[in-house]
Amino acid sequence: MVSQDLRKSKTVLLKPYCPFADENSFLEACKWTNDEGYDINVCSKSKNVSIQLTHGEIEALLVAVFTKVD
């Protein structure tokens, strides 16, 4: 049996956020069909990076990046 899922994704151009990005660079976040995480793709002139993260891993990443340490 073959099934087809309509995955929910959002795309953001990187130029407004990153001074090193060119006009065609973008980030795409695609929600997993089981709703447990995301496939994240960063595509730019110099590199393409893909990472798969669960909701908990994304939360931990945000804590690591944005928590201020005295």
N, C-alpha and C. Protein backbone atom coordinates (compact mmCIF):
# COMPACT_ATOMS: atom_id res chain seq x y z
N MET A 1 0.84 -1.18 0.00
CA MET A 1 0.00 0.00 0.00
C MET A 1 0.89 1.25 0.00
N VAL A 2 0.49 2.22 -0.76
CA VAL A 2 1.22 3.49 -0.85
C VAL A 2 0.32 4.59 -0.31
N SER A 3 0.89 5.44 0.53
CA SER A 3 0.13 6.60 1.02
C SER A 3 0.92 7.87 0.76
N GLN A 4 0.21 8.96 0.64
CA GLN A 4 0.84 10.25 0.41
C GLN A 4 0.38 11.21 1.49
N ASP A 5 1.33 11.86 2.15
CA ASP A 5 1.02 12.83 3.19
C ASP A 5 1.28 14.23 2.68
N LEU A 6 0.46 15.14 3.10
CA LEU A 6 0.69 16.55 2.81
C LEU A 6 1.38 17.15 4.02
N ARG A 7 2.70 17.26 3.92
CA ARG A 7 3.49 17.76 5.04
C ARG A 7 3.39 19.28 5.10
N LYS A 8 3.30 19.78 6.33
CA LYS A 8 3.21 21.23 6.53
C LYS A 8 4.61 21.80 6.63
N SER A 9 4.91 22.79 5.80
CA SER A 9 6.23 23.42 5.87
C SER A 9 6.09 24.93 5.76
N LYS A 10 7.10 25.60 6.29
CA LYS A 10 7.19 27.06 6.21
C LYS A 10 8.59 27.40 5.71
N THR A 11 8.67 28.42 4.87
CA THR A 11 9.93 28.85 4.29
C THR A 11 10.17 30.32 4.61
N VAL A 12 11.40 30.64 4.98
CA VAL A 12 11.78 32.02 5.32
C VAL A 12 13.04 32.38 4.54
N LEU A 13 13.03 33.53 3.88
CA LEU A 13 14.25 34.03 3.24
C LEU A 13 15.23 34.46 4.33
N LEU A 14 16.51 34.16 4.15
CA LEU A 14 17.51 34.45 5.17
C LEU A 14 18.07 35.87 5.11
N LYS A 15 17.98 36.52 3.96
CA LYS A 15 18.60 37.84 3.77
C LYS A 15 18.24 38.86 4.86
N PRO A 16 16.97 38.96 5.30
CA PRO A 16 16.66 39.94 6.36
C PRO A 16 17.28 39.62 7.71
N TYR A 17 17.71 38.38 7.91
CA TYR A 17 18.20 37.94 9.21
C TYR A 17 19.71 37.69 9.26
N CYS A 18 20.32 37.46 8.10
CA CYS A 18 21.73 37.07 8.06
C CYS A 18 22.50 37.95 7.07
N PRO A 19 23.51 38.68 7.53
CA PRO A 19 24.26 39.55 6.62
C PRO A 19 25.08 38.77 5.59
N PHE A 20 25.28 37.49 5.81
CA PHE A 20 26.08 36.68 4.88
C PHE A 20 25.23 35.98 3.83
N ALA A 21 23.92 36.05 3.95
CA ALA A 21 23.02 35.36 3.03
C ALA A 21 22.88 36.14 1.72
N ASP A 22 22.72 35.38 0.63
CA ASP A 22 22.41 36.03 -0.63
C ASP A 22 20.89 36.08 -0.81
N GLU A 23 20.44 36.64 -1.93
CA GLU A 23 19.01 36.84 -2.16
C GLU A 23 18.22 35.53 -2.24
N ASN A 24 18.87 34.43 -2.59
CA ASN A 24 18.17 33.17 -2.78
C ASN A 24 18.29 32.21 -1.60
N SER A 25 18.98 32.59 -0.55
CA SER A 25 19.15 31.73 0.61
C SER A 25 17.85 31.65 1.41
N PHE A 26 17.55 30.44 1.91
CA PHE A 26 16.32 30.29 2.67
C PHE A 26 16.45 29.19 3.70
N LEU A 27 15.53 29.20 4.66
CA LEU A 27 15.38 28.15 5.65
C LEU A 27 13.97 27.59 5.49
N GLU A 28 13.87 26.26 5.50
CA GLU A 28 12.58 25.60 5.44
C GLU A 28 12.43 24.70 6.66
N ALA A 29 11.30 24.80 7.34
CA ALA A 29 10.97 23.92 8.45
C ALA A 29 9.74 23.11 8.05
N CYS A 30 9.90 21.81 8.01
CA CYS A 30 8.83 20.90 7.57
C CYS A 30 8.42 20.01 8.74
N LYS A 31 7.17 20.12 9.15
CA LYS A 31 6.66 19.35 10.29
C LYS A 31 6.53 17.87 9.92
N TRP A 32 6.97 17.01 10.82
CA TRP A 32 6.85 15.58 10.60
C TRP A 32 5.37 15.18 10.59
N THR A 33 5.04 14.18 9.80
CA THR A 33 3.65 13.74 9.73
C THR A 33 3.15 13.17 11.05
N ASN A 34 4.06 12.66 11.90
CA ASN A 34 3.64 12.16 13.22
C ASN A 34 3.60 13.26 14.27
N ASP A 35 3.91 14.51 13.87
CA ASP A 35 3.84 15.70 14.72
C ASP A 35 4.83 15.70 15.88
N GLU A 36 5.92 14.92 15.77
CA GLU A 36 6.89 14.83 16.86
C GLU A 36 8.13 15.69 16.64
N GLY A 37 8.25 16.37 15.50
CA GLY A 37 9.42 17.18 15.25
C GLY A 37 9.42 17.80 13.87
N TYR A 38 10.61 18.25 13.43
CA TYR A 38 10.74 18.97 12.16
C TYR A 38 11.99 18.53 11.40
N ASP A 39 11.89 18.56 10.09
CA ASP A 39 13.06 18.54 9.22
C ASP A 39 13.38 20.00 8.94
N ILE A 40 14.60 20.41 9.18
CA ILE A 40 15.00 21.80 8.98
C ILE A 40 16.10 21.82 7.91
N ASN A 41 15.87 22.59 6.87
CA ASN A 41 16.82 22.71 5.76
C ASN A 41 17.24 24.17 5.61
N VAL A 42 18.54 24.39 5.57
CA VAL A 42 19.09 25.72 5.31
C VAL A 42 19.82 25.63 3.97
N CYS A 43 19.37 26.41 3.02
CA CYS A 43 19.95 26.36 1.67
C CYS A 43 20.51 27.73 1.31
N SER A 44 21.79 27.75 0.97
CA SER A 44 22.44 29.00 0.58
C SER A 44 23.44 28.73 -0.53
N LYS A 45 24.05 29.78 -1.01
CA LYS A 45 25.03 29.68 -2.09
C LYS A 45 26.22 28.83 -1.69
N SER A 46 26.64 28.92 -0.44
CA SER A 46 27.86 28.23 -0.01
C SER A 46 27.63 26.85 0.60
N LYS A 47 26.39 26.57 1.07
CA LYS A 47 26.16 25.27 1.71
C LYS A 47 24.68 24.96 1.79
N ASN A 48 24.41 23.67 1.92
CA ASN A 48 23.06 23.18 2.21
C ASN A 48 23.18 22.28 3.43
N VAL A 49 22.37 22.57 4.45
CA VAL A 49 22.43 21.82 5.70
C VAL A 49 21.03 21.31 6.03
N SER A 50 20.94 20.04 6.40
CA SER A 50 19.68 19.45 6.83
C SER A 50 19.85 18.87 8.22
N ILE A 51 18.84 19.06 9.06
CA ILE A 51 18.86 18.51 10.41
C ILE A 51 17.43 18.11 10.78
N GLN A 52 17.32 17.03 11.51
CA GLN A 52 16.02 16.57 11.99
C GLN A 52 16.02 16.70 13.51
N LEU A 53 15.02 17.40 14.06
CA LEU A 53 14.96 17.64 15.50
C LEU A 53 13.55 17.38 16.03
N THR A 54 13.47 16.76 17.21
CA THR A 54 12.19 16.62 17.90
C THR A 54 11.85 17.96 18.56
N HIS A 55 10.61 18.07 19.04
CA HIS A 55 10.21 19.31 19.74
C HIS A 55 11.10 19.55 20.95
N GLY A 56 11.44 18.50 21.68
CA GLY A 56 12.31 18.64 22.86
C GLY A 56 13.71 19.09 22.49
N GLU A 57 14.24 18.58 21.40
CA GLU A 57 15.57 19.00 20.94
C GLU A 57 15.56 20.46 20.50
N ILE A 58 14.49 20.89 19.86
CA ILE A 58 14.37 22.30 19.47
C ILE A 58 14.31 23.19 20.71
N GLU A 59 13.53 22.77 21.69
CA GLU A 59 13.44 23.54 22.94
C GLU A 59 14.80 23.63 23.62
N ALA A 60 15.53 22.52 23.68
CA ALA A 60 16.86 22.53 24.30
C ALA A 60 17.82 23.43 23.53
N LEU A 61 17.75 23.43 22.20
CA LEU A 61 18.59 24.30 21.38
C LEU A 61 18.30 25.77 21.69
N LEU A 62 17.04 26.11 21.78
CA LEU A 62 16.67 27.51 22.09
C LEU A 62 17.17 27.92 23.46
N VAL A 63 17.08 27.02 24.44
CA VAL A 63 17.60 27.32 25.78
C VAL A 63 19.10 27.54 25.72
N ALA A 64 19.81 26.66 25.01
CA ALA A 64 21.27 26.78 24.92
C ALA A 64 21.69 28.08 24.24
N VAL A 65 20.95 28.51 23.25
CA VAL A 65 21.32 29.70 22.48
C VAL A 65 20.91 30.99 23.19
N PHE A 66 19.74 31.01 23.83
CA PHE A 66 19.21 32.28 24.34
C PHE A 66 19.26 32.47 25.84
N THR A 67 19.66 31.46 26.62
CA THR A 67 19.76 31.63 28.06
C THR A 67 21.03 32.42 28.41
N LYS A 68 20.83 33.47 29.17
CA LYS A 68 21.97 34.28 29.60
C LYS A 68 22.61 33.64 30.83
N VAL A 69 23.93 33.57 30.82
CA VAL A 69 24.67 33.01 31.94
C VAL A 69 25.50 34.13 32.56
N ASP A 70 25.46 34.23 33.88
CA ASP A 70 26.22 35.29 34.57
C ASP A 70 27.69 35.09 34.44
